[in-house]
Amino acid sequence: MDGKGIGRKVWAIPGGHIPMGSAEPEPEFTSRDELCLLNTNEQPAQVEITIYYSTADPVGPYRLTVQPRRVRHVRMNDLIDPQAMPLDTPYASVIEADVPIVVQFYRLDSRRAENAILGTIAYPVDE
């Protein structure tokens, strides 16, 4: 990479929903939504996540850092400041960074012994 980084500064994920409960051992099989954040830049990425609900005002920003030329996995279940993420509640999220990053979203639903996992790239927002 030329140090410029790949990706976008703003990403949207409209279909969040952290499943309630898990049938498999925790923490590795805890039902969850998770973000995979890739920073190919030469400097840290300062990331802010805002959560949107159908019946409540948005919450955020949740702030975190992705180190240069690194990937960071973030369980949505672990976001607690400014407010813990509720389980079994539909939500959407907007991820904003001060440098271009790539965002992938996935869900592990382990409420049954037959685990299900879903992964998709987030929606990149043009600037």
C-alpha atoms as a PDB file:
ATOM      1  CA  MET A   1       0.000   0.000   0.000  1.00  0.00           C
ATOM      2  CA  ASP A   2       1.127   3.534  -0.607  1.00  0.00           C
ATOM      3  CA  GLY A   3       0.151   4.642   2.916  1.00  0.00           C
ATOM      4  CA  LYS A   4      -3.058   6.198   1.659  1.00  0.00           C
ATOM      5  CA  GLY A   5      -5.288   3.324   2.741  1.00  0.00           C
ATOM      6  CA  ILE A   6      -8.285   1.712   1.130  1.00  0.00           C
ATOM      7  CA  GLY A   7     -11.965   1.925   1.979  1.00  0.00           C
ATOM      8  CA  ARG A   8     -14.284   4.734   2.956  1.00  0.00           C
ATOM      9  CA  LYS A   9     -14.671   7.037   5.929  1.00  0.00           C
ATOM     10  CA  VAL A  10     -18.400   6.360   6.416  1.00  0.00           C
ATOM     11  CA  TRP A  11     -20.166   2.974   6.441  1.00  0.00           C
ATOM     12  CA  ALA A  12     -23.775   1.975   7.197  1.00  0.00           C
ATOM     13  CA  ILE A  13     -25.249  -1.303   8.433  1.00  0.00           C
ATOM     14  CA  PRO A  14     -29.063  -1.250   8.458  1.00  0.00           C
ATOM     15  CA  GLY A  15     -29.763  -4.783   9.735  1.00  0.00           C
ATOM     16  CA  GLY A  16     -28.419  -5.226  13.252  1.00  0.00           C
ATOM     17  CA  HIS A  17     -29.978  -7.555  15.814  1.00  0.00           C
ATOM     18  CA  ILE A  18     -28.008  -9.208  18.630  1.00  0.00           C
ATOM     19  CA  PRO A  19     -29.649 -12.593  19.317  1.00  0.00           C
ATOM     20  CA  MET A  20     -30.720 -13.297  22.905  1.00  0.00           C
ATOM     21  CA  GLY A  21     -29.185 -16.384  24.448  1.00  0.00           C
ATOM     22  CA  SER A  22     -26.667 -19.017  23.422  1.00  0.00           C
ATOM     23  CA  ALA A  23     -26.784 -22.811  23.420  1.00  0.00           C
ATOM     24  CA  GLU A  24     -23.030 -23.275  23.099  1.00  0.00           C
ATOM     25  CA  PRO A  25     -20.105 -22.475  25.468  1.00  0.00           C
ATOM     26  CA  GLU A  26     -19.393 -18.809  26.135  1.00  0.00           C
ATOM     27  CA  PRO A  27     -17.562 -16.582  25.359  1.00  0.00           C
ATOM     28  CA  GLU A  28     -16.420 -18.103  22.039  1.00  0.00           C
ATOM     29  CA  PHE A  29     -19.958 -19.096  21.006  1.00  0.00           C
ATOM     30  CA  THR A  30     -21.896 -16.210  22.540  1.00  0.00           C
ATOM     31  CA  SER A  31     -24.572 -15.052  20.109  1.00  0.00           C
ATOM     32  CA  ARG A  32     -23.406 -11.714  18.756  1.00  0.00           C
ATOM     33  CA  ASP A  33     -23.133  -9.126  16.033  1.00  0.00           C
ATOM     34  CA  GLU A  34     -19.554  -8.220  15.223  1.00  0.00           C
ATOM     35  CA  LEU A  35     -17.656  -5.670  13.154  1.00  0.00           C
ATOM     36  CA  CYS A  36     -14.376  -6.385  11.429  1.00  0.00           C
ATOM     37  CA  LEU A  37     -12.503  -3.103  10.845  1.00  0.00           C
ATOM     38  CA  LEU A  38      -9.495  -3.028   8.502  1.00  0.00           C
ATOM     39  CA  ASN A  39      -7.095  -0.080   8.611  1.00  0.00           C
ATOM     40  CA  THR A  40      -4.461  -0.204   5.850  1.00  0.00           C
ATOM     41  CA  ASN A  41      -3.264   3.344   6.579  1.00  0.00           C
ATOM     42  CA  GLU A  42       0.061   4.344   8.108  1.00  0.00           C
ATOM     43  CA  GLN A  43      -1.736   6.125  10.992  1.00  0.00           C
ATOM     44  CA  PRO A  44      -4.330   4.969  13.536  1.00  0.00           C
ATOM     45  CA  ALA A  45      -7.997   5.174  12.568  1.00  0.00           C
ATOM     46  CA  GLN A  46     -10.202   6.964  15.082  1.00  0.00           C
ATOM     47  CA  VAL A  47     -13.627   5.336  14.738  1.00  0.00           C
ATOM     48  CA  GLU A  48     -17.042   6.450  15.995  1.00  0.00           C
ATOM     49  CA  ILE A  49     -20.126   4.222  15.918  1.00  0.00           C
ATOM     50  CA  THR A  50     -23.661   5.593  16.218  1.00  0.00           C
ATOM     51  CA  ILE A  51     -26.558   3.211  16.845  1.00  0.00           C
ATOM     52  CA  TYR A  52     -30.075   3.896  15.524  1.00  0.00           C
ATOM     53  CA  TYR A  53     -33.311   2.304  16.803  1.00  0.00           C
ATOM     54  CA  SER A  54     -36.887   2.243  15.525  1.00  0.00           C
ATOM     55  CA  THR A  55     -38.371   3.306  18.874  1.00  0.00           C
ATOM     56  CA  ALA A  56     -35.616   5.372  20.532  1.00  0.00           C
ATOM     57  CA  ASP A  57     -33.200   8.192  19.795  1.00  0.00           C
ATOM     58  CA  PRO A  58     -29.755   7.361  18.383  1.00  0.00           C
ATOM     59  CA  VAL A  59     -27.012   6.438  20.860  1.00  0.00           C
ATOM     60  CA  GLY A  60     -23.354   7.247  20.463  1.00  0.00           C
ATOM     61  CA  PRO A  61     -20.752   7.815  19.598  1.00  0.00           C
ATOM     62  CA  TYR A  62     -18.989   4.670  20.728  1.00  0.00           C
ATOM     63  CA  ARG A  63     -15.299   5.476  20.210  1.00  0.00           C
ATOM     64  CA  LEU A  64     -12.437   3.116  19.406  1.00  0.00           C
ATOM     65  CA  THR A  65      -9.094   3.025  17.635  1.00  0.00           C
ATOM     66  CA  VAL A  66      -7.816   0.681  14.931  1.00  0.00           C
ATOM     67  CA  GLN A  67      -4.036   0.667  14.839  1.00  0.00           C
ATOM     68  CA  PRO A  68      -2.149   1.293  11.553  1.00  0.00           C
ATOM     69  CA  ARG A  69      -2.062  -1.628   9.099  1.00  0.00           C
ATOM     70  CA  ARG A  70      -4.153  -3.760  11.445  1.00  0.00           C
ATOM     71  CA  VAL A  71      -7.564  -5.369  11.713  1.00  0.00           C
ATOM     72  CA  ARG A  72      -9.801  -5.105  14.774  1.00  0.00           C
ATOM     73  CA  HIS A  73     -12.840  -7.222  15.605  1.00  0.00           C
ATOM     74  CA  VAL A  74     -15.458  -5.535  17.766  1.00  0.00           C
ATOM     75  CA  ARG A  75     -18.379  -7.400  19.301  1.00  0.00           C
ATOM     76  CA  MET A  76     -21.392  -5.124  19.343  1.00  0.00           C
ATOM     77  CA  ASN A  77     -22.377  -6.905  22.587  1.00  0.00           C
ATOM     78  CA  ASP A  78     -19.261  -5.381  24.192  1.00  0.00           C
ATOM     79  CA  LEU A  79     -20.165  -1.760  23.412  1.00  0.00           C
ATOM     80  CA  ILE A  80     -21.139  -0.239  26.766  1.00  0.00           C
ATOM     81  CA  ASP A  81     -20.120   3.430  26.708  1.00  0.00           C
ATOM     82  CA  PRO A  82     -22.184   5.602  26.369  1.00  0.00           C
ATOM     83  CA  GLN A  83     -24.846   2.867  26.802  1.00  0.00           C
ATOM     84  CA  ALA A  84     -24.825  -0.939  26.776  1.00  0.00           C
ATOM     85  CA  MET A  85     -26.214  -2.446  23.575  1.00  0.00           C
ATOM     86  CA  PRO A  86     -29.582  -4.124  24.216  1.00  0.00           C
ATOM     87  CA  LEU A  87     -30.074  -7.742  23.174  1.00  0.00           C
ATOM     88  CA  ASP A  88     -32.919  -8.897  20.934  1.00  0.00           C
ATOM     89  CA  THR A  89     -33.542  -5.349  19.685  1.00  0.00           C
ATOM     90  CA  PRO A  90     -33.383  -4.338  16.014  1.00  0.00           C
ATOM     91  CA  TYR A  91     -30.870  -1.581  15.323  1.00  0.00           C
ATOM     92  CA  ALA A  92     -28.812   0.022  12.572  1.00  0.00           C
ATOM     93  CA  SER A  93     -25.346   1.495  12.809  1.00  0.00           C
ATOM     94  CA  VAL A  94     -23.224   4.131  11.112  1.00  0.00           C
ATOM     95  CA  ILE A  95     -19.468   3.776  11.375  1.00  0.00           C
ATOM     96  CA  GLU A  96     -17.338   6.888  10.789  1.00  0.00           C
ATOM     97  CA  ALA A  97     -13.537   7.060  10.708  1.00  0.00           C
ATOM     98  CA  ASP A  98     -11.061   9.886  10.260  1.00  0.00           C
ATOM     99  CA  VAL A  99      -9.189   7.861   7.593  1.00  0.00           C
ATOM    100  CA  PRO A 100     -10.508   5.352   5.031  1.00  0.00           C
ATOM    101  CA  ILE A 101     -11.190   1.882   6.470  1.00  0.00           C
ATOM    102  CA  VAL A 102     -13.017  -1.251   5.321  1.00  0.00           C
ATOM    103  CA  VAL A 103     -15.933  -2.580   7.415  1.00  0.00           C
ATOM    104  CA  GLN A 104     -17.386  -6.082   7.425  1.00  0.00           C
ATOM    105  CA  PHE A 105     -20.404  -7.135   9.519  1.00  0.00           C
ATOM    106  CA  TYR A 106     -21.276 -10.577  10.720  1.00  0.00           C
ATOM    107  CA  ARG A 107     -23.628 -12.319  13.143  1.00  0.00           C
ATOM    108  CA  LEU A 108     -23.240 -15.534  15.085  1.00  0.00           C
ATOM    109  CA  ASP A 109     -26.586 -16.965  16.195  1.00  0.00           C
ATOM    110  CA  SER A 110     -25.893 -19.801  18.611  1.00  0.00           C
ATOM    111  CA  ARG A 111     -29.329 -20.043  20.209  1.00  0.00           C
ATOM    112  CA  ARG A 112     -29.552 -23.617  18.890  1.00  0.00           C
ATOM    113  CA  ALA A 113     -26.947 -26.345  18.705  1.00  0.00           C
ATOM    114  CA  GLU A 114     -26.955 -25.830  14.908  1.00  0.00           C
ATOM    115  CA  ASN A 115     -25.098 -22.516  14.870  1.00  0.00           C
ATOM    116  CA  ALA A 116     -25.737 -20.004  12.109  1.00  0.00           C
ATOM    117  CA  ILE A 117     -23.315 -17.343  10.925  1.00  0.00           C
ATOM    118  CA  LEU A 118     -23.942 -14.528   8.463  1.00  0.00           C
ATOM    119  CA  GLY A 119     -21.342 -12.183   7.035  1.00  0.00           C
ATOM    120  CA  THR A 120     -21.572  -9.239   4.659  1.00  0.00           C
ATOM    121  CA  ILE A 121     -19.660  -6.126   3.713  1.00  0.00           C
ATOM    122  CA  ALA A 122     -21.110  -2.960   5.177  1.00  0.00           C
ATOM    123  CA  TYR A 123     -22.562  -0.319   2.845  1.00  0.00           C
ATOM    124  CA  PRO A 124     -19.827   2.170   1.859  1.00  0.00           C
ATOM    125  CA  VAL A 125     -21.086   5.745   1.842  1.00  0.00           C
ATOM    126  CA  ASP A 126     -19.613   8.040  -0.812  1.00  0.00           C
ATOM    127  CA  GLU A 127     -18.230  11.281   0.509  1.00  0.00           C
END
